[in-house]
Amino acid sequence: MKLQEIVDVLKAEVVSSADNMDAEIQTACGSDMMSDVLAFAKTQSVFLTGLMNPQVVRTAEMMDMCAIIFVRGKPVDDMVVALAEQKGISILKTGFTMFTACGMLYERGIRGACERK
């Protein structure tokens, strides 16, 4: 699924685009615990979170994630947007809860990047 399709599925707002809307996404990780993301996420995933701070962007960068999706319609901090733009990471925002957003992506074939093998 392309990142642009994820925007459509989640009825998301594109807050900041890194010109990667054609990126092919196969996995996602939903978490507010950065340690879990670092331990279990796969590269080239999308990262769903409700946590709003620069550490989210730094974690996504370390894991080579192409987009962060903020859930629950949270306003996105300008400092977070600026850092994401600097790192080439797209920022999306959806009004859905993390549980619902992850389920919607799962229904459409996106698998969990945080699942143990």
PDB file of N, CA and C in Angstrom:
ATOM      1  N   MET A   1       0.850  -1.167   0.000  1.00  0.00           N
ATOM      2  CA  MET A   1       0.000   0.000   0.000  1.00  0.00           C
ATOM      3  C   MET A   1       0.903   1.239   0.000  1.00  0.00           C
ATOM      4  N   LYS A   2       0.566   2.188  -0.801  1.00  0.00           N
ATOM      5  CA  LYS A   2       1.335   3.433  -0.862  1.00  0.00           C
ATOM      6  C   LYS A   2       0.923   4.360   0.290  1.00  0.00           C
ATOM      7  N   LEU A   3       1.846   5.227   0.677  1.00  0.00           N
ATOM      8  CA  LEU A   3       1.572   6.151   1.765  1.00  0.00           C
ATOM      9  C   LEU A   3       0.346   7.011   1.457  1.00  0.00           C
ATOM     10  N   GLN A   4       0.166   7.412   0.208  1.00  0.00           N
ATOM     11  CA  GLN A   4      -1.008   8.204  -0.167  1.00  0.00           C
ATOM     12  C   GLN A   4      -2.300   7.428   0.086  1.00  0.00           C
ATOM     13  N   GLU A   5      -2.278   6.118  -0.122  1.00  0.00           N
ATOM     14  CA  GLU A   5      -3.457   5.300   0.163  1.00  0.00           C
ATOM     15  C   GLU A   5      -3.745   5.271   1.668  1.00  0.00           C
ATOM     16  N   ILE A   6      -2.704   5.265   2.472  1.00  0.00           N
ATOM     17  CA  ILE A   6      -2.881   5.301   3.921  1.00  0.00           C
ATOM     18  C   ILE A   6      -3.557   6.605   4.326  1.00  0.00           C
ATOM     19  N   VAL A   7      -3.162   7.697   3.697  1.00  0.00           N
ATOM     20  CA  VAL A   7      -3.807   8.987   3.945  1.00  0.00           C
ATOM     21  C   VAL A   7      -5.305   8.870   3.695  1.00  0.00           C
ATOM     22  N   ASP A   8      -5.663   8.239   2.578  1.00  0.00           N
ATOM     23  CA  ASP A   8      -7.070   8.085   2.218  1.00  0.00           C
ATOM     24  C   ASP A   8      -7.807   7.178   3.200  1.00  0.00           C
ATOM     25  N   VAL A   9      -7.216   6.045   3.542  1.00  0.00           N
ATOM     26  CA  VAL A   9      -7.847   5.072   4.446  1.00  0.00           C
ATOM     27  C   VAL A   9      -8.119   5.690   5.810  1.00  0.00           C
ATOM     28  N   LEU A  10      -7.145   6.417   6.337  1.00  0.00           N
ATOM     29  CA  LEU A  10      -7.259   6.974   7.679  1.00  0.00           C
ATOM     30  C   LEU A  10      -7.892   8.370   7.692  1.00  0.00           C
ATOM     31  N   LYS A  11      -8.308   8.819   6.500  1.00  0.00           N
ATOM     32  CA  LYS A  11      -8.867  10.181   6.401  1.00  0.00           C
ATOM     33  C   LYS A  11      -7.922  11.171   7.093  1.00  0.00           C
ATOM     34  N   ALA A  12      -6.648  10.998   6.800  1.00  0.00           N
ATOM     35  CA  ALA A  12      -5.604  11.753   7.477  1.00  0.00           C
ATOM     36  C   ALA A  12      -5.329  13.088   6.794  1.00  0.00           C
ATOM     37  N   GLU A  13      -4.844  13.989   7.589  1.00  0.00           N
ATOM     38  CA  GLU A  13      -4.364  15.279   7.090  1.00  0.00           C
ATOM     39  C   GLU A  13      -2.856  15.152   6.917  1.00  0.00           C
ATOM     40  N   VAL A  14      -2.351  15.582   5.770  1.00  0.00           N
ATOM     41  CA  VAL A  14      -0.907  15.601   5.552  1.00  0.00           C
ATOM     42  C   VAL A  14      -0.399  16.911   6.138  1.00  0.00           C
ATOM     43  N   VAL A  15       0.287  16.808   7.261  1.00  0.00           N
ATOM     44  CA  VAL A  15       0.814  17.992   7.939  1.00  0.00           C
ATOM     45  C   VAL A  15       2.118  18.425   7.294  1.00  0.00           C
ATOM     46  N   SER A  16       2.931  17.449   6.937  1.00  0.00           N
ATOM     47  CA  SER A  16       4.218  17.706   6.308  1.00  0.00           C
ATOM     48  C   SER A  16       4.577  16.507   5.442  1.00  0.00           C
ATOM     49  N   SER A  17       4.894  16.762   4.200  1.00  0.00           N
ATOM     50  CA  SER A  17       5.218  15.675   3.282  1.00  0.00           C
ATOM     51  C   SER A  17       6.689  15.726   2.903  1.00  0.00           C
ATOM     52  N   ALA A  18       7.322  14.592   2.932  1.00  0.00           N
ATOM     53  CA  ALA A  18       8.726  14.492   2.532  1.00  0.00           C
ATOM     54  C   ALA A  18       8.824  14.014   1.079  1.00  0.00           C
ATOM     55  N   ASP A  19       7.804  14.308   0.291  1.00  0.00           N
ATOM     56  CA  ASP A  19       7.760  13.880  -1.109  1.00  0.00           C
ATOM     57  C   ASP A  19       7.900  12.371  -1.256  1.00  0.00           C
ATOM     58  N   ASN A  20       7.365  11.634  -0.279  1.00  0.00           N
ATOM     59  CA  ASN A  20       7.455  10.178  -0.345  1.00  0.00           C
ATOM     60  C   ASN A  20       6.063   9.534  -0.329  1.00  0.00           C
ATOM     61  N   MET A  21       5.062  10.227  -0.838  1.00  0.00           N
ATOM     62  CA  MET A  21       3.700   9.701  -0.822  1.00  0.00           C
ATOM     63  C   MET A  21       3.548   8.467  -1.707  1.00  0.00           C
ATOM     64  N   ASP A  22       4.518   8.202  -2.564  1.00  0.00           N
ATOM     65  CA  ASP A  22       4.493   6.991  -3.380  1.00  0.00           C
ATOM     66  C   ASP A  22       5.259   5.844  -2.727  1.00  0.00           C
ATOM     67  N   ALA A  23       5.764   6.065  -1.518  1.00  0.00           N
ATOM     68  CA  ALA A  23       6.509   5.013  -0.814  1.00  0.00           C
ATOM     69  C   ALA A  23       5.599   3.816  -0.562  1.00  0.00           C
ATOM     70  N   GLU A  24       6.116   2.636  -0.801  1.00  0.00           N
ATOM     71  CA  GLU A  24       5.374   1.389  -0.583  1.00  0.00           C
ATOM     72  C   GLU A  24       5.512   0.989   0.876  1.00  0.00           C
ATOM     73  N   ILE A  25       4.376   0.864   1.562  1.00  0.00           N
ATOM     74  CA  ILE A  25       4.352   0.541   2.988  1.00  0.00           C
ATOM     75  C   ILE A  25       3.773  -0.861   3.162  1.00  0.00           C
ATOM     76  N   GLN A  26       4.487  -1.714   3.893  1.00  0.00           N
ATOM     77  CA  GLN A  26       4.000  -3.059   4.165  1.00  0.00           C
ATOM     78  C   GLN A  26       3.780  -3.316   5.644  1.00  0.00           C
ATOM     79  N   THR A  27       4.429  -2.491   6.495  1.00  0.00           N
ATOM     80  CA  THR A  27       4.311  -2.704   7.932  1.00  0.00           C
ATOM     81  C   THR A  27       4.067  -1.378   8.656  1.00  0.00           C
ATOM     82  N   ALA A  28       3.513  -1.500   9.853  1.00  0.00           N
ATOM     83  CA  ALA A  28       3.265  -0.335  10.703  1.00  0.00           C
ATOM     84  C   ALA A  28       3.569  -0.699  12.142  1.00  0.00           C
ATOM     85  N   CYS A  29       3.840   0.327  12.931  1.00  0.00           N
ATOM     86  CA  CYS A  29       4.087   0.139  14.345  1.00  0.00           C
ATOM     87  C   CYS A  29       3.272   1.188  15.099  1.00  0.00           C
ATOM     88  N   GLY A  30       2.451   0.745  16.034  1.00  0.00           N
ATOM     89  CA  GLY A  30       1.666   1.660  16.844  1.00  0.00           C
ATOM     90  C   GLY A  30       2.106   1.561  18.292  1.00  0.00           C
ATOM     91  N   SER A  31       2.677   2.655  18.825  1.00  0.00           N
ATOM     92  CA  SER A  31       3.155   2.618  20.202  1.00  0.00           C
ATOM     93  C   SER A  31       3.420   4.030  20.703  1.00  0.00           C
ATOM     94  N   ASP A  32       3.280   4.205  22.016  1.00  0.00           N
ATOM     95  CA  ASP A  32       3.693   5.440  22.669  1.00  0.00           C
ATOM     96  C   ASP A  32       4.979   5.213  23.463  1.00  0.00           C
ATOM     97  N   MET A  33       5.497   4.013  23.402  1.00  0.00           N
ATOM     98  CA  MET A  33       6.736   3.677  24.122  1.00  0.00           C
ATOM     99  C   MET A  33       7.876   3.550  23.118  1.00  0.00           C
ATOM    100  N   MET A  34       8.766   4.521  23.122  1.00  0.00           N
ATOM    101  CA  MET A  34       9.849   4.541  22.146  1.00  0.00           C
ATOM    102  C   MET A  34      10.759   3.325  22.289  1.00  0.00           C
ATOM    103  N   SER A  35      10.912   2.806  23.497  1.00  0.00           N
ATOM    104  CA  SER A  35      11.751   1.620  23.693  1.00  0.00           C
ATOM    105  C   SER A  35      11.180   0.415  22.944  1.00  0.00           C
ATOM    106  N   ASP A  36       9.853   0.275  22.917  1.00  0.00           N
ATOM    107  CA  ASP A  36       9.245  -0.825  22.159  1.00  0.00           C
ATOM    108  C   ASP A  36       9.461  -0.649  20.666  1.00  0.00           C
ATOM    109  N   VAL A  37       9.352   0.571  20.194  1.00  0.00           N
ATOM    110  CA  VAL A  37       9.579   0.836  18.773  1.00  0.00           C
ATOM    111  C   VAL A  37      11.010   0.479  18.407  1.00  0.00           C
ATOM    112  N   LEU A  38      11.954   0.893  19.223  1.00  0.00           N
ATOM    113  CA  LEU A  38      13.360   0.586  18.937  1.00  0.00           C
ATOM    114  C   LEU A  38      13.640  -0.910  19.000  1.00  0.00           C
ATOM    115  N   ALA A  39      12.945  -1.614  19.867  1.00  0.00           N
ATOM    116  CA  ALA A  39      13.197  -3.047  20.040  1.00  0.00           C
ATOM    117  C   ALA A  39      12.538  -3.911  18.967  1.00  0.00           C
ATOM    118  N   PHE A  40      11.369  -3.491  18.476  1.00  0.00           N
ATOM    119  CA  PHE A  40      10.591  -4.406  17.648  1.00  0.00           C
ATOM    120  C   PHE A  40      10.229  -3.915  16.254  1.00  0.00           C
ATOM    121  N   ALA A  41      10.327  -2.641  15.979  1.00  0.00           N
ATOM    122  CA  ALA A  41       9.878  -2.110  14.683  1.00  0.00           C
ATOM    123  C   ALA A  41      10.823  -2.497  13.557  1.00  0.00           C
ATOM    124  N   LYS A  42      10.274  -2.502  12.361  1.00  0.00           N
ATOM    125  CA  LYS A  42      11.046  -2.760  11.149  1.00  0.00           C
ATOM    126  C   LYS A  42      11.268  -1.439  10.419  1.00  0.00           C
ATOM    127  N   THR A  43      12.299  -1.417   9.599  1.00  0.00           N
ATOM    128  CA  THR A  43      12.540  -0.216   8.809  1.00  0.00           C
ATOM    129  C   THR A  43      11.474  -0.080   7.726  1.00  0.00           C
ATOM    130  N   GLN A  44      11.346   1.119   7.211  1.00  0.00           N
ATOM    131  CA  GLN A  44      10.383   1.448   6.160  1.00  0.00           C
ATOM    132  C   GLN A  44       8.939   1.178   6.565  1.00  0.00           C
ATOM    133  N   SER A  45       8.654   1.361   7.836  1.00  0.00           N
ATOM    134  CA  SER A  45       7.295   1.254   8.365  1.00  0.00           C
ATOM    135  C   SER A  45       6.710   2.644   8.505  1.00  0.00           C
ATOM    136  N   VAL A  46       5.431   2.678   8.825  1.00  0.00           N
ATOM    137  CA  VAL A  46       4.840   3.917   9.323  1.00  0.00           C
ATOM    138  C   VAL A  46       4.683   3.748  10.827  1.00  0.00           C
ATOM    139  N   PHE A  47       4.734   4.854  11.529  1.00  0.00           N
ATOM    140  CA  PHE A  47       4.761   4.862  12.981  1.00  0.00           C
ATOM    141  C   PHE A  47       3.530   5.614  13.467  1.00  0.00           C
ATOM    142  N   LEU A  48       2.606   4.906  14.138  1.00  0.00           N
ATOM    143  CA  LEU A  48       1.408   5.524  14.698  1.00  0.00           C
ATOM    144  C   LEU A  48       1.624   5.760  16.182  1.00  0.00           C
ATOM    145  N   THR A  49       1.336   6.987  16.630  1.00  0.00           N
ATOM    146  CA  THR A  49       1.550   7.320  18.033  1.00  0.00           C
ATOM    147  C   THR A  49       0.668   8.487  18.450  1.00  0.00           C
ATOM    148  N   GLY A  50       0.453   8.574  19.728  1.00  0.00           N
ATOM    149  CA  GLY A  50      -0.240   9.715  20.302  1.00  0.00           C
ATOM    150  C   GLY A  50       0.720  10.609  21.060  1.00  0.00           C
ATOM    151  N   LEU A  51       1.970  10.206  21.124  1.00  0.00           N
ATOM    152  CA  LEU A  51       2.990  10.954  21.844  1.00  0.00           C
ATOM    153  C   LEU A  51       3.481  12.107  20.971  1.00  0.00           C
ATOM    154  N   MET A  52       3.497  13.298  21.527  1.00  0.00           N
ATOM    155  CA  MET A  52       3.864  14.473  20.743  1.00  0.00           C
ATOM    156  C   MET A  52       5.112  15.136  21.315  1.00  0.00           C
ATOM    157  N   ASN A  53       6.267  14.686  20.820  1.00  0.00           N
ATOM    158  CA  ASN A  53       7.522  15.339  21.191  1.00  0.00           C
ATOM    159  C   ASN A  53       8.600  15.003  20.167  1.00  0.00           C
ATOM    160  N   PRO A  54       9.697  15.749  20.157  1.00  0.00           N
ATOM    161  CA  PRO A  54      10.747  15.515  19.159  1.00  0.00           C
ATOM    162  C   PRO A  54      11.354  14.113  19.212  1.00  0.00           C
ATOM    163  N   GLN A  55      11.283  13.452  20.361  1.00  0.00           N
ATOM    164  CA  GLN A  55      11.851  12.106  20.470  1.00  0.00           C
ATOM    165  C   GLN A  55      11.166  11.126  19.524  1.00  0.00           C
ATOM    166  N   VAL A  56       9.904  11.368  19.222  1.00  0.00           N
ATOM    167  CA  VAL A  56       9.180  10.524  18.275  1.00  0.00           C
ATOM    168  C   VAL A  56       9.856  10.584  16.898  1.00  0.00           C
ATOM    169  N   VAL A  57      10.223  11.784  16.478  1.00  0.00           N
ATOM    170  CA  VAL A  57      10.893  11.956  15.180  1.00  0.00           C
ATOM    171  C   VAL A  57      12.271  11.312  15.211  1.00  0.00           C
ATOM    172  N   ARG A  58      12.981  11.493  16.290  1.00  0.00           N
ATOM    173  CA  ARG A  58      14.321  10.895  16.386  1.00  0.00           C
ATOM    174  C   ARG A  58      14.254   9.369  16.359  1.00  0.00           C
ATOM    175  N   THR A  59      13.245   8.810  16.999  1.00  0.00           N
ATOM    176  CA  THR A  59      13.060   7.356  16.983  1.00  0.00           C
ATOM    177  C   THR A  59      12.715   6.887  15.575  1.00  0.00           C
ATOM    178  N   ALA A  60      11.816   7.585  14.911  1.00  0.00           N
ATOM    179  CA  ALA A  60      11.446   7.230  13.531  1.00  0.00           C
ATOM    180  C   ALA A  60      12.660   7.307  12.616  1.00  0.00           C
ATOM    181  N   GLU A  61      13.495   8.301  12.826  1.00  0.00           N
ATOM    182  CA  GLU A  61      14.706   8.430  12.004  1.00  0.00           C
ATOM    183  C   GLU A  61      15.645   7.243  12.232  1.00  0.00           C
ATOM    184  N   MET A  62      15.851   6.878  13.495  1.00  0.00           N
ATOM    185  CA  MET A  62      16.740   5.750  13.814  1.00  0.00           C
ATOM    186  C   MET A  62      16.258   4.448  13.178  1.00  0.00           C
ATOM    187  N   MET A  63      14.928   4.301  13.080  1.00  0.00           N
ATOM    188  CA  MET A  63      14.352   3.070  12.528  1.00  0.00           C
ATOM    189  C   MET A  63      14.066   3.181  11.029  1.00  0.00           C
ATOM    190  N   ASP A  64      14.507   4.266  10.414  1.00  0.00           N
ATOM    191  CA  ASP A  64      14.335   4.482   8.976  1.00  0.00           C
ATOM    192  C   ASP A  64      12.862   4.391   8.563  1.00  0.00           C
ATOM    193  N   MET A  65      11.992   5.007   9.347  1.00  0.00           N
ATOM    194  CA  MET A  65      10.562   5.036   9.047  1.00  0.00           C
ATOM    195  C   MET A  65      10.272   6.227   8.142  1.00  0.00           C
ATOM    196  N   CYS A  66       9.345   6.047   7.224  1.00  0.00           N
ATOM    197  CA  CYS A  66       9.097   7.114   6.255  1.00  0.00           C
ATOM    198  C   CYS A  66       8.001   8.073   6.686  1.00  0.00           C
ATOM    199  N   ALA A  67       7.196   7.699   7.688  1.00  0.00           N
ATOM    200  CA  ALA A  67       6.100   8.585   8.107  1.00  0.00           C
ATOM    201  C   ALA A  67       5.712   8.326   9.549  1.00  0.00           C
ATOM    202  N   ILE A  68       5.270   9.398  10.193  1.00  0.00           N
ATOM    203  CA  ILE A  68       4.690   9.328  11.527  1.00  0.00           C
ATOM    204  C   ILE A  68       3.235   9.742  11.392  1.00  0.00           C
ATOM    205  N   ILE A  69       2.350   8.960  11.989  1.00  0.00           N
ATOM    206  CA  ILE A  69       0.921   9.265  11.969  1.00  0.00           C
ATOM    207  C   ILE A  69       0.486   9.538  13.400  1.00  0.00           C
ATOM    208  N   PHE A  70       0.146  10.781  13.674  1.00  0.00           N
ATOM    209  CA  PHE A  70      -0.338  11.137  15.007  1.00  0.00           C
ATOM    210  C   PHE A  70      -1.833  10.851  15.070  1.00  0.00           C
ATOM    211  N   VAL A  71      -2.248  10.170  16.119  1.00  0.00           N
ATOM    212  CA  VAL A  71      -3.640   9.724  16.262  1.00  0.00           C
ATOM    213  C   VAL A  71      -4.427  10.635  17.200  1.00  0.00           C
ATOM    214  N   ARG A  72      -5.724  10.402  17.257  1.00  0.00           N
ATOM    215  CA  ARG A  72      -6.651  11.118  18.134  1.00  0.00           C
ATOM    216  C   ARG A  72      -6.760  12.601  17.818  1.00  0.00           C
ATOM    217  N   GLY A  73      -6.412  12.994  16.595  1.00  0.00           N
ATOM    218  CA  GLY A  73      -6.588  14.375  16.165  1.00  0.00           C
ATOM    219  C   GLY A  73      -5.757  15.392  16.919  1.00  0.00           C
ATOM    220  N   LYS A  74      -4.694  14.927  17.522  1.00  0.00           N
ATOM    221  CA  LYS A  74      -3.845  15.825  18.310  1.00  0.00           C
ATOM    222  C   LYS A  74      -3.241  16.914  17.431  1.00  0.00           C
ATOM    223  N   PRO A  75      -3.192  18.144  17.943  1.00  0.00           N
ATOM    224  CA  PRO A  75      -2.484  19.183  17.190  1.00  0.00           C
ATOM    225  C   PRO A  75      -0.994  18.841  17.152  1.00  0.00           C
ATOM    226  N   VAL A  76      -0.385  19.079  16.012  1.00  0.00           N
ATOM    227  CA  VAL A  76       1.022  18.715  15.835  1.00  0.00           C
ATOM    228  C   VAL A  76       1.893  19.928  16.145  1.00  0.00           C
ATOM    229  N   ASP A  77       2.829  19.726  17.037  1.00  0.00           N
ATOM    230  CA  ASP A  77       3.744  20.769  17.478  1.00  0.00           C
ATOM    231  C   ASP A  77       4.646  21.218  16.318  1.00  0.00           C
ATOM    232  N   ASP A  78       4.832  22.523  16.177  1.00  0.00           N
ATOM    233  CA  ASP A  78       5.667  23.071  15.097  1.00  0.00           C
ATOM    234  C   ASP A  78       7.107  22.573  15.163  1.00  0.00           C
ATOM    235  N   MET A  79       7.626  22.385  16.364  1.00  0.00           N
ATOM    236  CA  MET A  79       8.989  21.891  16.513  1.00  0.00           C
ATOM    237  C   MET A  79       9.114  20.455  15.987  1.00  0.00           C
ATOM    238  N   VAL A  80       8.090  19.653  16.201  1.00  0.00           N
ATOM    239  CA  VAL A  80       8.074  18.281  15.700  1.00  0.00           C
ATOM    240  C   VAL A  80       8.030  18.292  14.174  1.00  0.00           C
ATOM    241  N   VAL A  81       7.204  19.151  13.604  1.00  0.00           N
ATOM    242  CA  VAL A  81       7.107  19.256  12.141  1.00  0.00           C
ATOM    243  C   VAL A  81       8.449  19.685  11.547  1.00  0.00           C
ATOM    244  N   ALA A  82       9.065  20.686  12.128  1.00  0.00           N
ATOM    245  CA  ALA A  82      10.346  21.185  11.615  1.00  0.00           C
ATOM    246  C   ALA A  82      11.415  20.101  11.640  1.00  0.00           C
ATOM    247  N   LEU A  83      11.485  19.351  12.726  1.00  0.00           N
ATOM    248  CA  LEU A  83      12.477  18.282  12.828  1.00  0.00           C
ATOM    249  C   LEU A  83      12.187  17.182  11.812  1.00  0.00           C
ATOM    250  N   ALA A  84      10.928  16.824  11.645  1.00  0.00           N
ATOM    251  CA  ALA A  84      10.559  15.788  10.672  1.00  0.00           C
ATOM    252  C   ALA A  84      10.915  16.222   9.252  1.00  0.00           C
ATOM    253  N   GLU A  85      10.663  17.474   8.930  1.00  0.00           N
ATOM    254  CA  GLU A  85      11.012  17.974   7.599  1.00  0.00           C
ATOM    255  C   GLU A  85      12.520  17.911   7.381  1.00  0.00           C
ATOM    256  N   GLN A  86      13.269  18.263   8.413  1.00  0.00           N
ATOM    257  CA  GLN A  86      14.731  18.209   8.338  1.00  0.00           C
ATOM    258  C   GLN A  86      15.221  16.779   8.104  1.00  0.00           C
ATOM    259  N   LYS A  87      14.516  15.802   8.678  1.00  0.00           N
ATOM    260  CA  LYS A  87      14.924  14.399   8.583  1.00  0.00           C
ATOM    261  C   LYS A  87      14.288  13.662   7.406  1.00  0.00           C
ATOM    262  N   GLY A  88      13.402  14.336   6.658  1.00  0.00           N
ATOM    263  CA  GLY A  88      12.768  13.704   5.499  1.00  0.00           C
ATOM    264  C   GLY A  88      11.681  12.708   5.854  1.00  0.00           C
ATOM    265  N   ILE A  89      10.973  12.970   6.945  1.00  0.00           N
ATOM    266  CA  ILE A  89       9.912  12.078   7.418  1.00  0.00           C
ATOM    267  C   ILE A  89       8.575  12.794   7.279  1.00  0.00           C
ATOM    268  N   SER A  90       7.616  12.155   6.631  1.00  0.00           N
ATOM    269  CA  SER A  90       6.290  12.740   6.477  1.00  0.00           C
ATOM    270  C   SER A  90       5.536  12.694   7.800  1.00  0.00           C
ATOM    271  N   ILE A  91       4.692  13.699   8.021  1.00  0.00           N
ATOM    272  CA  ILE A  91       3.851  13.755   9.217  1.00  0.00           C
ATOM    273  C   ILE A  91       2.388  13.771   8.777  1.00  0.00           C
ATOM    274  N   LEU A  92       1.623  12.813   9.301  1.00  0.00           N
ATOM    275  CA  LEU A  92       0.191  12.739   9.047  1.00  0.00           C
ATOM    276  C   LEU A  92      -0.534  12.843  10.380  1.00  0.00           C
ATOM    277  N   LYS A  93      -1.805  13.212  10.310  1.00  0.00           N
ATOM    278  CA  LYS A  93      -2.625  13.316  11.514  1.00  0.00           C
ATOM    279  C   LYS A  93      -4.001  12.750  11.197  1.00  0.00           C
ATOM    280  N   THR A  94      -4.494  11.873  12.075  1.00  0.00           N
ATOM    281  CA  THR A  94      -5.826  11.302  11.902  1.00  0.00           C
ATOM    282  C   THR A  94      -6.629  11.476  13.191  1.00  0.00           C
ATOM    283  N   GLY A  95      -7.932  11.558  13.049  1.00  0.00           N
ATOM    284  CA  GLY A  95      -8.804  11.677  14.208  1.00  0.00           C
ATOM    285  C   GLY A  95      -9.098  10.340  14.873  1.00  0.00           C
ATOM    286  N   PHE A  96      -8.744   9.246  14.216  1.00  0.00           N
ATOM    287  CA  PHE A  96      -8.996   7.925  14.786  1.00  0.00           C
ATOM    288  C   PHE A  96      -8.068   7.642  15.965  1.00  0.00           C
ATOM    289  N   THR A  97      -8.522   6.767  16.868  1.00  0.00           N
ATOM    290  CA  THR A  97      -7.652   6.307  17.948  1.00  0.00           C
ATOM    291  C   THR A  97      -6.582   5.391  17.364  1.00  0.00           C
ATOM    292  N   MET A  98      -5.558   5.133  18.142  1.00  0.00           N
ATOM    293  CA  MET A  98      -4.490   4.256  17.661  1.00  0.00           C
ATOM    294  C   MET A  98      -5.026   2.859  17.357  1.00  0.00           C
ATOM    295  N   PHE A  99      -5.866   2.334  18.234  1.00  0.00           N
ATOM    296  CA  PHE A  99      -6.424   1.004  18.046  1.00  0.00           C
ATOM    297  C   PHE A  99      -7.199   0.919  16.723  1.00  0.00           C
ATOM    298  N   THR A 100      -8.059   1.885  16.496  1.00  0.00           N
ATOM    299  CA  THR A 100      -8.877   1.885  15.284  1.00  0.00           C
ATOM    300  C   THR A 100      -8.015   2.076  14.038  1.00  0.00           C
ATOM    301  N   ALA A 101      -7.090   3.021  14.083  1.00  0.00           N
ATOM    302  CA  ALA A 101      -6.227   3.289  12.924  1.00  0.00           C
ATOM    303  C   ALA A 101      -5.391   2.060  12.569  1.00  0.00           C
ATOM    304  N   CYS A 102      -4.827   1.402  13.577  1.00  0.00           N
ATOM    305  CA  CYS A 102      -4.041   0.191  13.318  1.00  0.00           C
ATOM    306  C   CYS A 102      -4.925  -0.902  12.728  1.00  0.00           C
ATOM    307  N   GLY A 103      -6.135  -1.043  13.252  1.00  0.00           N
ATOM    308  CA  GLY A 103      -7.064  -2.047  12.732  1.00  0.00           C
ATOM    309  C   GLY A 103      -7.451  -1.778  11.288  1.00  0.00           C
ATOM    310  N   MET A 104      -7.669  -0.525  10.953  1.00  0.00           N
ATOM    311  CA  MET A 104      -8.026  -0.161   9.577  1.00  0.00           C
ATOM    312  C   MET A 104      -6.891  -0.501   8.618  1.00  0.00           C
ATOM    313  N   LEU A 105      -5.660  -0.258   9.026  1.00  0.00           N
ATOM    314  CA  LEU A 105      -4.512  -0.593   8.180  1.00  0.00           C
ATOM    315  C   LEU A 105      -4.330  -2.104   8.079  1.00  0.00           C
ATOM    316  N   TYR A 106      -4.539  -2.807   9.186  1.00  0.00           N
ATOM    317  CA  TYR A 106      -4.427  -4.263   9.193  1.00  0.00           C
ATOM    318  C   TYR A 106      -5.440  -4.893   8.232  1.00  0.00           C
ATOM    319  N   GLU A 107      -6.663  -4.371   8.248  1.00  0.00           N
ATOM    320  CA  GLU A 107      -7.703  -4.875   7.337  1.00  0.00           C
ATOM    321  C   GLU A 107      -7.297  -4.747   5.874  1.00  0.00           C
ATOM    322  N   ARG A 108      -6.452  -3.801   5.589  1.00  0.00           N
ATOM    323  CA  ARG A 108      -6.037  -3.558   4.205  1.00  0.00           C
ATOM    324  C   ARG A 108      -4.661  -4.136   3.884  1.00  0.00           C
ATOM    325  N   GLY A 109      -4.176  -5.021   4.746  1.00  0.00           N
ATOM    326  CA  GLY A 109      -2.958  -5.767   4.427  1.00  0.00           C
ATOM    327  C   GLY A 109      -1.680  -5.285   5.076  1.00  0.00           C
ATOM    328  N   ILE A 110      -1.722  -4.187   5.787  1.00  0.00           N
ATOM    329  CA  ILE A 110      -0.521  -3.720   6.496  1.00  0.00           C
ATOM    330  C   ILE A 110      -0.350  -4.600   7.735  1.00  0.00           C
ATOM    331  N   ARG A 111       0.837  -5.106   7.936  1.00  0.00           N
ATOM    332  CA  ARG A 111       1.099  -5.982   9.066  1.00  0.00           C
ATOM    333  C   ARG A 111       1.903  -5.246  10.126  1.00  0.00           C
ATOM    334  N   GLY A 112       1.902  -5.795  11.329  1.00  0.00           N
ATOM    335  CA  GLY A 112       2.558  -5.165  12.463  1.00  0.00           C
ATOM    336  C   GLY A 112       4.059  -5.270  12.420  1.00  0.00           C
ATOM    337  N   ALA A 113       4.710  -4.143  12.512  1.00  0.00           N
ATOM    338  CA  ALA A 113       6.174  -4.123  12.533  1.00  0.00           C
ATOM    339  C   ALA A 113       6.701  -4.441  13.918  1.00  0.00           C
ATOM    340  N   CYS A 114       5.864  -4.386  14.919  1.00  0.00           N
ATOM    341  CA  CYS A 114       6.313  -4.638  16.295  1.00  0.00           C
ATOM    342  C   CYS A 114       6.079  -6.083  16.726  1.00  0.00           C
ATOM    343  N   GLU A 115       5.562  -6.903  15.837  1.00  0.00           N
ATOM    344  CA  GLU A 115       5.295  -8.293  16.185  1.00  0.00           C
ATOM    345  C   GLU A 115       6.588  -9.079  16.254  1.00  0.00           C
ATOM    346  N   ARG A 116       6.688  -9.922  17.247  1.00  0.00           N
ATOM    347  CA  ARG A 116       7.851 -10.800  17.365  1.00  0.00           C
ATOM    348  C   ARG A 116       7.730 -11.927  16.359  1.00  0.00           C
ATOM    349  N   LYS A 117       8.856 -12.351  15.852  1.00  0.00           N
ATOM    350  CA  LYS A 117       8.880 -13.465  14.886  1.00  0.00           C
ATOM    351  C   LYS A 117       9.207 -14.741  15.605  1.00  0.00           C
TER     352      LYS A 117
END
